[in-house]
Amino acid sequence: MRSTRFSKVLISMNKTQSQTAIIGLGNILLRDEGIGIHVINNMNRKYTFSPHVNLIDGGTSSYDLLPYFEENKKIIIVDAIDFEKEPGYINSFENDEILMGLNKKLSLHHLGLTDLLTDLKIHGLLPQEIFLVGMQPAKIEMGLDLSKTALTKVNILIDTVIDKLKQWSIKPISLGKNKVHADGRTYL
């Protein structure tokens, strides 16, 4: 069982057929720190995926994600990352670049993610493909809403994930032309 003392939301899961996981990391109680979760939630509202794709709220405890790394051949991670750049800056890393990129970053769950990926690499258990896209947060403070800067980046992060899925020959089906608006809600 994958439960922890904090409830993890598994948005869609089909264990027997899963090949690709899209994992949003972060803490939604700390505004932009939860950007990964907000992206996953908005993707769930905007798209439908084949049973081979899971959307996962990964929270902040990276080792709780171990089963997903073992069960999936391809992983996409969306997270807030301190790039030491301007708020809203977006960058991505693939495969071995992730470990090099995260070793410099300061965040409790980045340290856990780095440890998890290092352990998987040592044991030869890394998925075939790993892609990490991150955004420099503007506000990390108590609150449930994203900053205005982060709100303007949600659709860009979603598009980045969708582009990577298409490179992997995975074609999500759009549920409409809905976009994230300034109030943080998604409309059809």
C-alpha atoms as a PDB file:
ATOM      1  CA  MET A   1       0.000   0.000   0.000  1.00  0.00           C
ATOM      2  CA  ARG A   2       1.300   3.453  -0.896  1.00  0.00           C
ATOM      3  CA  SER A   3      -0.337   5.551   1.777  1.00  0.00           C
ATOM      4  CA  THR A   4       1.591   7.863   4.025  1.00  0.00           C
ATOM      5  CA  ARG A   5       0.407  10.056   6.848  1.00  0.00           C
ATOM      6  CA  PHE A   6      -0.405  12.617   4.143  1.00  0.00           C
ATOM      7  CA  SER A   7      -2.953  11.617   1.549  1.00  0.00           C
ATOM      8  CA  LYS A   8      -1.516  11.217  -1.918  1.00  0.00           C
ATOM      9  CA  VAL A   9      -3.884  11.644  -4.804  1.00  0.00           C
ATOM     10  CA  LEU A  10      -3.470   9.217  -7.642  1.00  0.00           C
ATOM     11  CA  ILE A  11      -5.442  10.920 -10.363  1.00  0.00           C
ATOM     12  CA  SER A  12      -5.483   8.058 -12.835  1.00  0.00           C
ATOM     13  CA  MET A  13      -3.770   4.712 -12.501  1.00  0.00           C
ATOM     14  CA  ASN A  14      -3.844   1.419 -14.314  1.00  0.00           C
ATOM     15  CA  LYS A  15      -0.991  -0.604 -12.794  1.00  0.00           C
ATOM     16  CA  THR A  16      -1.090  -3.461 -15.244  1.00  0.00           C
ATOM     17  CA  GLN A  17      -0.773  -1.295 -18.354  1.00  0.00           C
ATOM     18  CA  SER A  18       1.165   1.732 -17.117  1.00  0.00           C
ATOM     19  CA  GLN A  19       4.232   2.745 -19.059  1.00  0.00           C
ATOM     20  CA  THR A  20       4.464   6.489 -18.473  1.00  0.00           C
ATOM     21  CA  ALA A  21       3.992   8.546 -15.321  1.00  0.00           C
ATOM     22  CA  ILE A  22       3.633  12.313 -15.095  1.00  0.00           C
ATOM     23  CA  ILE A  23       4.445  13.311 -11.527  1.00  0.00           C
ATOM     24  CA  GLY A  24       3.753  16.717 -10.032  1.00  0.00           C
ATOM     25  CA  LEU A  25       5.921  17.487  -7.000  1.00  0.00           C
ATOM     26  CA  GLY A  26       5.478  20.177  -4.389  1.00  0.00           C
ATOM     27  CA  ASN A  27       3.557  21.490  -1.449  1.00  0.00           C
ATOM     28  CA  ILE A  28       0.345  23.294  -2.414  1.00  0.00           C
ATOM     29  CA  LEU A  29       0.243  24.941   1.032  1.00  0.00           C
ATOM     30  CA  LEU A  30       3.294  27.025   0.070  1.00  0.00           C
ATOM     31  CA  ARG A  31       1.917  28.786  -3.018  1.00  0.00           C
ATOM     32  CA  ASP A  32       4.354  28.384  -5.963  1.00  0.00           C
ATOM     33  CA  GLU A  33       6.116  25.458  -4.260  1.00  0.00           C
ATOM     34  CA  GLY A  34       3.030  23.484  -5.361  1.00  0.00           C
ATOM     35  CA  ILE A  35       3.310  24.348  -9.077  1.00  0.00           C
ATOM     36  CA  GLY A  36       3.850  20.679 -10.013  1.00  0.00           C
ATOM     37  CA  ILE A  37       0.596  19.645  -8.342  1.00  0.00           C
ATOM     38  CA  HIS A  38      -1.305  22.520  -9.980  1.00  0.00           C
ATOM     39  CA  VAL A  39       0.035  21.498 -13.404  1.00  0.00           C
ATOM     40  CA  ILE A  40      -1.020  17.858 -12.888  1.00  0.00           C
ATOM     41  CA  ASN A  41      -4.495  18.902 -11.703  1.00  0.00           C
ATOM     42  CA  ASN A  42      -4.954  21.211 -14.694  1.00  0.00           C
ATOM     43  CA  MET A  43      -3.716  18.536 -17.100  1.00  0.00           C
ATOM     44  CA  ASN A  44      -6.301  16.173 -15.669  1.00  0.00           C
ATOM     45  CA  ARG A  45      -9.009  18.756 -16.419  1.00  0.00           C
ATOM     46  CA  LYS A  46      -7.721  19.587 -19.913  1.00  0.00           C
ATOM     47  CA  TYR A  47      -6.751  16.174 -21.323  1.00  0.00           C
ATOM     48  CA  THR A  48      -7.580  12.526 -21.337  1.00  0.00           C
ATOM     49  CA  PHE A  49      -4.827   9.944 -21.629  1.00  0.00           C
ATOM     50  CA  SER A  50      -4.560   6.314 -22.605  1.00  0.00           C
ATOM     51  CA  PRO A  51      -4.491   3.763 -19.765  1.00  0.00           C
ATOM     52  CA  HIS A  52      -0.708   3.652 -20.286  1.00  0.00           C
ATOM     53  CA  VAL A  53      -0.283   7.128 -18.749  1.00  0.00           C
ATOM     54  CA  ASN A  54      -0.627   8.019 -15.054  1.00  0.00           C
ATOM     55  CA  LEU A  55      -1.011  11.510 -13.609  1.00  0.00           C
ATOM     56  CA  ILE A  56       0.343  11.481 -10.068  1.00  0.00           C
ATOM     57  CA  ASP A  57       0.306  14.010  -7.241  1.00  0.00           C
ATOM     58  CA  GLY A  58       3.750  13.214  -5.846  1.00  0.00           C
ATOM     59  CA  GLY A  59       3.618  15.586  -2.877  1.00  0.00           C
ATOM     60  CA  THR A  60       7.012  16.236  -1.286  1.00  0.00           C
ATOM     61  CA  SER A  61       8.261  12.815  -0.211  1.00  0.00           C
ATOM     62  CA  SER A  62      10.321  11.467  -3.096  1.00  0.00           C
ATOM     63  CA  TYR A  63      10.852   7.965  -1.708  1.00  0.00           C
ATOM     64  CA  ASP A  64       7.078   7.448  -1.732  1.00  0.00           C
ATOM     65  CA  LEU A  65       7.455   7.609  -5.530  1.00  0.00           C
ATOM     66  CA  LEU A  66       9.709   4.542  -5.725  1.00  0.00           C
ATOM     67  CA  PRO A  67       6.928   2.205  -6.945  1.00  0.00           C
ATOM     68  CA  TYR A  68       6.122   4.573  -9.816  1.00  0.00           C
ATOM     69  CA  PHE A  69       9.757   4.630 -10.908  1.00  0.00           C
ATOM     70  CA  GLU A  70       9.789   0.823 -10.801  1.00  0.00           C
ATOM     71  CA  GLU A  71       6.470   0.429 -12.677  1.00  0.00           C
ATOM     72  CA  ASN A  72       6.995   2.928 -15.499  1.00  0.00           C
ATOM     73  CA  LYS A  73       9.407   3.051 -18.414  1.00  0.00           C
ATOM     74  CA  LYS A  74       9.096   6.820 -18.842  1.00  0.00           C
ATOM     75  CA  ILE A  75       8.714   9.493 -16.167  1.00  0.00           C
ATOM     76  CA  ILE A  76       7.978  13.208 -16.433  1.00  0.00           C
ATOM     77  CA  ILE A  77       8.406  15.312 -13.289  1.00  0.00           C
ATOM     78  CA  VAL A  78       7.024  18.846 -12.872  1.00  0.00           C
ATOM     79  CA  ASP A  79       8.340  20.871  -9.948  1.00  0.00           C
ATOM     80  CA  ALA A  80       9.331  24.235  -8.511  1.00  0.00           C
ATOM     81  CA  ILE A  81      13.116  24.556  -8.672  1.00  0.00           C
ATOM     82  CA  ASP A  82      15.433  27.245  -7.359  1.00  0.00           C
ATOM     83  CA  PHE A  83      17.415  27.997 -10.508  1.00  0.00           C
ATOM     84  CA  GLU A  84      18.622  31.248  -8.917  1.00  0.00           C
ATOM     85  CA  LYS A  85      16.943  33.035 -11.840  1.00  0.00           C
ATOM     86  CA  GLU A  86      14.035  35.447 -12.180  1.00  0.00           C
ATOM     87  CA  PRO A  87      10.609  34.240 -10.957  1.00  0.00           C
ATOM     88  CA  GLY A  88       8.813  32.244 -13.632  1.00  0.00           C
ATOM     89  CA  TYR A  89      12.009  31.056 -15.341  1.00  0.00           C
ATOM     90  CA  ILE A  90      11.434  27.582 -16.814  1.00  0.00           C
ATOM     91  CA  ASN A  91      14.058  24.994 -17.646  1.00  0.00           C
ATOM     92  CA  SER A  92      14.137  21.254 -18.225  1.00  0.00           C
ATOM     93  CA  PHE A  93      16.566  18.374 -17.805  1.00  0.00           C
ATOM     94  CA  GLU A  94      16.631  14.849 -19.198  1.00  0.00           C
ATOM     95  CA  ASN A  95      18.063  11.622 -17.825  1.00  0.00           C
ATOM     96  CA  ASP A  96      21.595  12.144 -16.387  1.00  0.00           C
ATOM     97  CA  GLU A  97      21.262  15.939 -16.633  1.00  0.00           C
ATOM     98  CA  ILE A  98      18.695  15.752 -13.825  1.00  0.00           C
ATOM     99  CA  LEU A  99      21.170  14.545 -11.200  1.00  0.00           C
ATOM    100  CA  MET A 100      23.706  17.172 -12.226  1.00  0.00           C
ATOM    101  CA  GLY A 101      21.065  19.919 -12.225  1.00  0.00           C
ATOM    102  CA  LEU A 102      19.445  19.000  -8.916  1.00  0.00           C
ATOM    103  CA  ASN A 103      22.674  18.600  -6.970  1.00  0.00           C
ATOM    104  CA  LYS A 104      22.939  22.391  -6.928  1.00  0.00           C
ATOM    105  CA  LYS A 105      19.344  23.115  -5.922  1.00  0.00           C
ATOM    106  CA  LEU A 106      18.067  23.828  -2.430  1.00  0.00           C
ATOM    107  CA  SER A 107      14.807  22.139  -1.469  1.00  0.00           C
ATOM    108  CA  LEU A 108      13.907  19.321   0.869  1.00  0.00           C
ATOM    109  CA  HIS A 109      12.133  17.267  -1.778  1.00  0.00           C
ATOM    110  CA  HIS A 110      14.837  17.938  -4.379  1.00  0.00           C
ATOM    111  CA  LEU A 111      17.335  16.340  -2.026  1.00  0.00           C
ATOM    112  CA  GLY A 112      15.013  13.354  -1.710  1.00  0.00           C
ATOM    113  CA  LEU A 113      14.526  13.181  -5.464  1.00  0.00           C
ATOM    114  CA  THR A 114      18.284  13.307  -6.027  1.00  0.00           C
ATOM    115  CA  ASP A 115      18.774  10.530  -3.474  1.00  0.00           C
ATOM    116  CA  LEU A 116      16.031   8.417  -5.053  1.00  0.00           C
ATOM    117  CA  LEU A 117      17.444   8.818  -8.576  1.00  0.00           C
ATOM    118  CA  THR A 118      20.976   8.070  -7.356  1.00  0.00           C
ATOM    119  CA  ASP A 119      19.803   4.889  -5.613  1.00  0.00           C
ATOM    120  CA  LEU A 120      17.872   3.766  -8.686  1.00  0.00           C
ATOM    121  CA  LYS A 121      20.904   4.434 -10.892  1.00  0.00           C
ATOM    122  CA  ILE A 122      23.239   2.478  -8.585  1.00  0.00           C
ATOM    123  CA  HIS A 123      20.884  -0.501  -8.694  1.00  0.00           C
ATOM    124  CA  GLY A 124      20.283  -0.234 -12.452  1.00  0.00           C
ATOM    125  CA  LEU A 125      16.598   0.494 -11.973  1.00  0.00           C
ATOM    126  CA  LEU A 126      16.221   3.909 -13.601  1.00  0.00           C
ATOM    127  CA  PRO A 127      13.351   4.167 -16.076  1.00  0.00           C
ATOM    128  CA  GLN A 128      14.348   4.299 -19.756  1.00  0.00           C
ATOM    129  CA  GLU A 129      13.496   8.008 -19.946  1.00  0.00           C
ATOM    130  CA  ILE A 130      13.187  10.692 -17.270  1.00  0.00           C
ATOM    131  CA  PHE A 131      12.276  14.299 -18.029  1.00  0.00           C
ATOM    132  CA  LEU A 132      12.137  17.067 -15.405  1.00  0.00           C
ATOM    133  CA  VAL A 133      10.636  20.477 -16.088  1.00  0.00           C
ATOM    134  CA  GLY A 134      10.812  23.113 -13.401  1.00  0.00           C
ATOM    135  CA  MET A 135       9.850  26.698 -12.743  1.00  0.00           C
ATOM    136  CA  GLN A 136      11.588  29.268 -10.542  1.00  0.00           C
ATOM    137  CA  PRO A 137       8.952  30.107  -7.910  1.00  0.00           C
ATOM    138  CA  ALA A 138       8.002  33.725  -7.256  1.00  0.00           C
ATOM    139  CA  LYS A 139       6.340  33.195  -3.855  1.00  0.00           C
ATOM    140  CA  ILE A 140       7.030  30.446  -1.342  1.00  0.00           C
ATOM    141  CA  GLU A 141       4.921  31.380   1.640  1.00  0.00           C
ATOM    142  CA  MET A 142       1.801  30.069   3.328  1.00  0.00           C
ATOM    143  CA  GLY A 143      -1.145  30.164   0.956  1.00  0.00           C
ATOM    144  CA  LEU A 144      -3.048  27.975  -1.473  1.00  0.00           C
ATOM    145  CA  ASP A 145      -3.067  30.222  -4.529  1.00  0.00           C
ATOM    146  CA  LEU A 146      -0.294  30.499  -7.075  1.00  0.00           C
ATOM    147  CA  SER A 147       1.394  33.862  -7.589  1.00  0.00           C
ATOM    148  CA  LYS A 148       0.445  35.859 -10.685  1.00  0.00           C
ATOM    149  CA  THR A 149       3.812  34.923 -12.187  1.00  0.00           C
ATOM    150  CA  ALA A 150       3.213  31.192 -11.655  1.00  0.00           C
ATOM    151  CA  LEU A 151      -0.328  31.422 -13.030  1.00  0.00           C
ATOM    152  CA  THR A 152       1.064  32.782 -16.298  1.00  0.00           C
ATOM    153  CA  LYS A 153       3.415  29.774 -16.523  1.00  0.00           C
ATOM    154  CA  VAL A 154       0.988  26.906 -15.870  1.00  0.00           C
ATOM    155  CA  ASN A 155      -0.036  26.575 -19.533  1.00  0.00           C
ATOM    156  CA  ILE A 156       3.604  26.804 -20.660  1.00  0.00           C
ATOM    157  CA  LEU A 157       4.537  23.973 -18.290  1.00  0.00           C
ATOM    158  CA  ILE A 158       1.581  21.918 -19.526  1.00  0.00           C
ATOM    159  CA  ASP A 159       2.596  22.534 -23.142  1.00  0.00           C
ATOM    160  CA  THR A 160       6.174  21.465 -22.301  1.00  0.00           C
ATOM    161  CA  VAL A 161       4.890  18.196 -20.844  1.00  0.00           C
ATOM    162  CA  ILE A 162       2.556  17.598 -23.798  1.00  0.00           C
ATOM    163  CA  ASP A 163       5.420  18.267 -26.250  1.00  0.00           C
ATOM    164  CA  LYS A 164       7.599  15.683 -24.454  1.00  0.00           C
ATOM    165  CA  LEU A 165       4.763  13.150 -24.527  1.00  0.00           C
ATOM    166  CA  LYS A 166       4.384  13.701 -28.271  1.00  0.00           C
ATOM    167  CA  GLN A 167       8.147  13.145 -28.715  1.00  0.00           C
ATOM    168  CA  TRP A 168       7.567   9.818 -26.987  1.00  0.00           C
ATOM    169  CA  SER A 169       4.678   9.094 -29.428  1.00  0.00           C
ATOM    170  CA  ILE A 170       2.048   9.603 -26.727  1.00  0.00           C
ATOM    171  CA  LYS A 171      -0.854  11.720 -27.917  1.00  0.00           C
ATOM    172  CA  PRO A 172      -3.180  13.038 -25.204  1.00  0.00           C
ATOM    173  CA  ILE A 173      -6.683  14.030 -26.248  1.00  0.00           C
ATOM    174  CA  SER A 174      -7.690  17.604 -25.474  1.00  0.00           C
ATOM    175  CA  LEU A 175     -11.009  18.001 -23.697  1.00  0.00           C
ATOM    176  CA  GLY A 176     -11.432  21.479 -25.174  1.00  0.00           C
ATOM    177  CA  LYS A 177      -9.721  24.815 -25.499  1.00  0.00           C
ATOM    178  CA  ASN A 178      -9.716  25.428 -21.759  1.00  0.00           C
ATOM    179  CA  LYS A 179      -6.885  27.482 -20.306  1.00  0.00           C
ATOM    180  CA  VAL A 180      -5.881  28.494 -16.793  1.00  0.00           C
ATOM    181  CA  HIS A 181      -7.135  32.011 -16.131  1.00  0.00           C
ATOM    182  CA  ALA A 182      -5.855  34.714 -13.778  1.00  0.00           C
ATOM    183  CA  ASP A 183      -8.043  33.486 -10.918  1.00  0.00           C
ATOM    184  CA  GLY A 184      -6.391  30.041 -11.126  1.00  0.00           C
ATOM    185  CA  ARG A 185      -9.475  28.238 -12.408  1.00  0.00           C
ATOM    186  CA  THR A 186      -9.658  26.265 -15.613  1.00  0.00           C
ATOM    187  CA  TYR A 187     -12.580  26.907 -17.915  1.00  0.00           C
ATOM    188  CA  LEU A 188     -13.820  24.905 -20.898  1.00  0.00           C
END
